[in-house]
């Protein structure tokens, strides 16, 4: 992504913390920040899959970016505490938090949803995001600056059958984010939410328990967004001058309107 000189300057030298950074949208966001700044940036990349993180970190490090990699399971509150406690001093001053980690599990209807799936989705999508936000916000308040970027979803605005729990978690994220934005109205901390529609990543593969055929079927009959499409929106929003808040960004492919896809209309 090519930004204007001032927008690039607005990002240069900042420390960006991205959760779920080992693949998909998280990985794309990391790459986009590096591209937009020519490598003049610090990245804290956190995810459960450390091996994939290592590969990404090596690639991004070649651009000149300073990269810190860490294992993190946001569904585990104690692990979040350990993660922040072990951050090297040069990466502790977070300028941008991107709460990207999240998941959907299954498409069962209410009454048939496993308790463990309900708990895992809420622990990851809601409780983990809240704890990450609360922890980072303390440092941002001290310096009176910073960006909090929440990866929401159209599912948090418009629910659909088979997504009752996932939709509920993203609705919770939306409510939490709106409240936090209002709580910080007297500060220079920006709170932004990105709500993607259909994006082709490993998201559906996880949802269907690793079944590639079921995952592929989700995107049949239309062209979904790519992870890079969402990454470009995140980086653009964060590159605005400090007084500009792109509070909410709803992003669809042309074949989608709300939770309704072209293939569902056929």
Protein backbone atom coordinates (compact mmCIF):
# COMPACT_ATOMS: atom_id res chain seq x y z
CA UNK A 1 0.00 0.00 0.00
CA UNK A 2 1.37 3.39 -1.00
CA UNK A 3 0.57 6.23 1.41
CA UNK A 4 1.24 9.93 0.99
CA UNK A 5 4.36 11.35 2.70
CA UNK A 6 2.47 12.76 5.67
CA UNK A 7 0.42 9.57 6.21
CA UNK A 8 3.60 7.50 6.10
CA UNK A 9 5.24 9.85 8.59
CA UNK A 10 2.23 9.43 10.90
CA UNK A 11 3.06 5.71 11.21
CA UNK A 12 6.85 5.65 11.15
CA UNK A 13 8.60 4.54 14.32
CA UNK A 14 5.43 3.36 16.02
CA UNK A 15 5.10 0.11 17.95
CA UNK A 16 2.26 -2.06 16.65
CA UNK A 17 0.89 -5.04 18.59
CA UNK A 18 -1.11 -7.52 16.49
CA UNK A 19 -2.83 -10.60 17.91
CA UNK A 20 -3.55 -13.63 15.74
CA UNK A 21 -0.63 -12.51 13.57
CA UNK A 22 0.55 -15.90 12.28
CA UNK A 23 -1.84 -16.09 9.31
CA UNK A 24 -4.79 -14.53 7.50
CA UNK A 25 -5.78 -10.96 8.29
CA UNK A 26 -3.27 -10.63 11.14
CA UNK A 27 -0.35 -11.59 8.94
CA UNK A 28 -1.59 -9.30 6.16
CA UNK A 29 -1.84 -6.37 8.59
CA UNK A 30 1.74 -6.90 9.72
CA UNK A 31 2.99 -6.95 6.13
CA UNK A 32 0.94 -3.86 5.26
CA UNK A 33 2.39 -1.80 8.13
CA UNK A 34 5.89 -2.74 7.02
CA UNK A 35 5.18 -1.91 3.37
CA UNK A 36 3.54 1.41 4.27
CA UNK A 37 6.51 2.58 6.34
CA UNK A 38 9.37 1.08 4.36
CA UNK A 39 10.26 -1.01 7.39
CA UNK A 40 10.53 1.97 9.76
CA UNK A 41 8.30 0.41 12.39
CA UNK A 42 8.28 -1.90 15.41
CA UNK A 43 6.04 -4.95 15.39
CA UNK A 44 4.94 -7.16 18.26
CA UNK A 45 3.48 -10.22 16.58
CA UNK A 46 1.57 -12.60 18.82
CA UNK A 47 -0.19 -15.87 18.05
CA UNK A 48 -0.47 -19.48 19.18
CA UNK A 49 1.41 -20.89 16.18
CA UNK A 50 4.95 -19.84 16.97
CA UNK A 51 6.54 -21.68 14.04
CA UNK A 52 4.51 -19.72 11.53
CA UNK A 53 5.25 -16.53 13.43
CA UNK A 54 8.97 -17.24 13.15
CA UNK A 55 8.75 -17.53 9.38
CA UNK A 56 6.84 -14.25 9.13
CA UNK A 57 9.18 -12.48 11.52
CA UNK A 58 12.21 -13.52 9.51
CA UNK A 59 10.69 -12.18 6.30
CA UNK A 60 9.62 -8.87 7.82
CA UNK A 61 12.94 -8.41 9.59
CA UNK A 62 14.69 -8.31 6.24
CA UNK A 63 12.85 -5.07 5.47
CA UNK A 64 14.48 -3.34 8.42
CA UNK A 65 11.47 -3.57 10.72
CA UNK A 66 12.11 -4.39 14.37
CA UNK A 67 10.08 -7.49 15.18
CA UNK A 68 9.31 -9.20 18.47
CA UNK A 69 7.56 -12.56 18.32
CA UNK A 70 5.64 -14.14 21.16
CA UNK A 71 3.37 -17.08 21.83
CA UNK A 72 -0.04 -15.89 22.95
CA UNK A 73 -3.40 -17.56 23.46
CA UNK A 74 -5.82 -14.70 24.11
CA UNK A 75 -8.41 -17.11 25.49
CA UNK A 76 -6.13 -17.64 28.50
CA UNK A 77 -6.09 -14.62 30.80
CA UNK A 78 -3.00 -15.81 32.68
CA UNK A 79 -1.16 -16.21 29.37
CA UNK A 80 -2.01 -12.60 28.49
CA UNK A 81 -0.48 -11.44 31.78
CA UNK A 82 2.66 -13.48 31.09
CA UNK A 83 2.87 -12.09 27.58
CA UNK A 84 2.90 -8.46 28.72
CA UNK A 85 5.26 -9.17 31.61
CA UNK A 86 7.81 -10.68 29.23
CA UNK A 87 7.78 -7.90 26.60
CA UNK A 88 11.28 -6.45 26.08
CA UNK A 89 11.55 -2.83 27.25
CA UNK A 90 11.91 -1.49 23.70
CA UNK A 91 8.53 -2.99 22.74
CA UNK A 92 6.52 -2.10 25.84
CA UNK A 93 5.28 1.31 24.70
CA UNK A 94 2.41 0.21 22.44
CA UNK A 95 1.15 2.84 19.97
CA UNK A 96 -1.33 0.66 18.07
CA UNK A 97 -3.16 -2.42 19.36
CA UNK A 98 -4.82 -4.53 16.69
CA UNK A 99 -7.14 -7.06 18.33
CA UNK A 100 -7.35 -9.47 15.42
CA UNK A 101 -7.43 -12.89 17.09
CA UNK A 102 -10.84 -14.51 16.82
CA UNK A 103 -12.65 -17.60 15.65
CA UNK A 104 -15.95 -19.25 14.81
CA UNK A 105 -16.61 -22.90 15.58
CA UNK A 106 -19.29 -24.84 13.73
CA UNK A 107 -22.64 -23.82 12.29
CA UNK A 108 -24.93 -25.73 14.64
CA UNK A 109 -28.22 -24.11 15.63
CA UNK A 110 -29.13 -23.22 19.20
CA UNK A 111 -29.89 -26.35 21.16
CA UNK A 112 -27.19 -28.33 19.38
CA UNK A 113 -24.14 -26.14 20.08
CA UNK A 114 -21.44 -27.71 22.24
CA UNK A 115 -20.80 -25.92 25.54
CA UNK A 116 -17.04 -26.03 24.95
CA UNK A 117 -17.46 -24.25 21.60
CA UNK A 118 -19.55 -21.52 23.22
CA UNK A 119 -16.95 -21.04 25.93
CA UNK A 120 -14.00 -21.02 23.51
CA UNK A 121 -15.58 -18.46 21.21
CA UNK A 122 -16.44 -16.11 24.07
CA UNK A 123 -13.05 -16.59 25.73
CA UNK A 124 -11.22 -15.78 22.50
CA UNK A 125 -13.43 -13.21 20.80
CA UNK A 126 -14.69 -11.30 23.82
CA UNK A 127 -12.85 -11.91 27.10
CA UNK A 128 -9.41 -12.01 25.48
CA UNK A 129 -10.08 -8.88 23.45
CA UNK A 130 -11.32 -7.03 26.52
CA UNK A 131 -8.29 -8.02 28.60
CA UNK A 132 -5.87 -7.03 25.82
CA UNK A 133 -7.63 -3.68 25.46
CA UNK A 134 -7.69 -2.94 29.18
CA UNK A 135 -4.02 -3.77 29.58
CA UNK A 136 -2.80 -1.65 26.67
CA UNK A 137 -5.12 1.26 27.40
CA UNK A 138 -3.38 1.98 30.70
CA UNK A 139 -0.14 2.88 28.97
CA UNK A 140 -1.97 4.86 26.30
CA UNK A 141 -3.71 6.93 28.96
CA UNK A 142 -0.36 7.81 30.55
CA UNK A 143 0.94 9.32 27.29
CA UNK A 144 -2.50 10.43 26.05
CA UNK A 145 -2.15 8.86 22.61
CA UNK A 146 -2.61 5.57 20.80
CA UNK A 147 -4.88 3.57 18.53
CA UNK A 148 -7.05 0.60 19.45
CA UNK A 149 -8.26 -1.34 16.42
CA UNK A 150 -10.88 -4.03 16.97
CA UNK A 151 -11.56 -6.60 14.24
CA UNK A 152 -15.30 -6.97 14.40
CA UNK A 153 -17.56 -8.44 11.73
CA UNK A 154 -20.79 -7.90 9.85
CA UNK A 155 -21.89 -10.73 12.16
CA UNK A 156 -21.86 -8.24 15.03
CA UNK A 157 -24.35 -6.04 13.18
CA UNK A 158 -26.57 -8.58 11.44
CA UNK A 159 -26.98 -12.13 12.75
CA UNK A 160 -27.47 -15.22 10.63
CA UNK A 161 -28.66 -18.81 11.20
CA UNK A 162 -25.86 -21.12 12.28
CA UNK A 163 -23.85 -18.24 13.71
CA UNK A 164 -25.74 -17.42 16.88
CA UNK A 165 -22.77 -17.67 19.21
CA UNK A 166 -20.21 -16.14 16.87
CA UNK A 167 -22.63 -13.29 16.09
CA UNK A 168 -23.22 -12.77 19.81
CA UNK A 169 -19.48 -12.48 20.45
CA UNK A 170 -19.01 -9.93 17.69
CA UNK A 171 -22.02 -7.97 18.90
CA UNK A 172 -20.37 -7.88 22.32
CA UNK A 173 -17.17 -6.58 20.74
CA UNK A 174 -19.16 -3.85 19.01
CA UNK A 175 -20.88 -2.74 22.22
CA UNK A 176 -17.64 -2.80 24.21
CA UNK A 177 -15.81 -0.82 21.52
CA UNK A 178 -18.50 1.87 21.29
CA UNK A 179 -18.52 2.29 25.07
CA UNK A 180 -14.73 2.54 25.29
CA UNK A 181 -14.68 5.15 22.51
CA UNK A 182 -17.08 7.28 24.56
CA UNK A 183 -15.12 6.71 27.77
CA UNK A 184 -11.99 8.05 26.05
CA UNK A 185 -13.69 11.09 24.48
CA UNK A 186 -11.53 13.49 26.53
CA UNK A 187 -8.29 11.88 25.40
CA UNK A 188 -6.32 11.61 22.16
CA UNK A 189 -6.72 7.83 22.09
CA UNK A 190 -8.56 6.61 18.99
CA UNK A 191 -10.83 3.56 19.09
CA UNK A 192 -11.67 2.05 15.70
CA UNK A 193 -13.61 -0.99 14.56
CA UNK A 194 -13.20 -2.79 11.25
CA UNK A 195 -16.19 -4.95 10.28
CA UNK A 196 -15.38 -7.25 7.35
CA UNK A 197 -17.86 -9.22 5.35
CA UNK A 198 -16.73 -12.42 3.62
CA UNK A 199 -12.94 -12.73 3.61
CA UNK A 200 -11.23 -15.86 2.32
CA UNK A 201 -8.71 -16.94 4.96
CA UNK A 202 -8.28 -19.96 7.24
CA UNK A 203 -11.30 -18.71 9.21
CA UNK A 204 -13.73 -21.13 7.55
CA UNK A 205 -11.22 -23.96 7.76
CA UNK A 206 -11.13 -23.51 11.54
CA UNK A 207 -14.91 -23.18 11.67
CA UNK A 208 -15.38 -26.53 9.93
CA UNK A 209 -12.80 -28.40 11.97
CA UNK A 210 -10.15 -28.44 9.24
CA UNK A 211 -12.42 -29.77 6.47
CA UNK A 212 -11.13 -28.05 3.28
CA UNK A 213 -14.14 -28.99 1.16
CA UNK A 214 -16.63 -27.41 3.54
CA UNK A 215 -14.42 -24.36 3.94
CA UNK A 216 -14.08 -23.90 0.18
CA UNK A 217 -17.83 -24.15 -0.32
CA UNK A 218 -18.37 -21.00 1.74
CA UNK A 219 -16.81 -18.93 -1.05
CA UNK A 220 -18.41 -20.65 -4.04
CA UNK A 221 -20.25 -18.52 -6.59
CA UNK A 222 -18.71 -15.15 -5.77
CA UNK A 223 -15.36 -13.46 -5.15
CA UNK A 224 -14.72 -12.82 -1.44
CA UNK A 225 -12.39 -10.21 -0.02
CA UNK A 226 -8.74 -11.03 0.60
CA UNK A 227 -6.88 -10.54 3.87
CA UNK A 228 -4.89 -7.76 2.19
CA UNK A 229 -8.11 -5.84 1.47
CA UNK A 230 -8.79 -5.62 5.20
CA UNK A 231 -5.15 -4.90 6.04
CA UNK A 232 -5.17 -1.89 3.73
CA UNK A 233 -8.20 -0.47 5.54
CA UNK A 234 -6.55 -0.93 8.95
CA UNK A 235 -3.32 0.77 7.90
CA UNK A 236 -5.13 3.61 6.13
CA UNK A 237 -7.27 4.32 9.20
CA UNK A 238 -4.24 4.31 11.51
CA UNK A 239 -2.30 6.63 9.21
CA UNK A 240 -4.77 9.53 9.51
CA UNK A 241 -3.71 12.58 11.49
CA UNK A 242 -4.35 12.19 15.19
CA UNK A 243 -7.57 14.22 15.27
CA UNK A 244 -9.25 12.02 12.64
CA UNK A 245 -11.06 8.91 13.87
CA UNK A 246 -12.40 6.46 11.29
CA UNK A 247 -14.62 5.01 13.97
CA UNK A 248 -16.24 2.18 12.00
CA UNK A 249 -15.41 0.62 8.64
CA UNK A 250 -17.85 -1.88 7.12
CA UNK A 251 -16.15 -3.67 4.23
CA UNK A 252 -17.87 -6.03 1.76
CA UNK A 253 -17.09 -7.72 -1.54
CA UNK A 254 -19.44 -6.56 -4.30
CA UNK A 255 -21.43 -9.80 -4.05
CA UNK A 256 -22.45 -9.13 -0.47
CA UNK A 257 -24.95 -6.85 1.24
CA UNK A 258 -25.11 -7.38 4.96
CA UNK A 259 -24.92 -11.06 5.87
CA UNK A 260 -26.62 -11.82 2.54
CA UNK A 261 -24.33 -13.19 -0.18
CA UNK A 262 -25.14 -13.50 -3.86
CA UNK A 263 -24.87 -17.29 -3.62
CA UNK A 264 -27.46 -17.33 -0.83
CA UNK A 265 -29.89 -15.47 -3.08
CA UNK A 266 -29.78 -18.10 -5.80
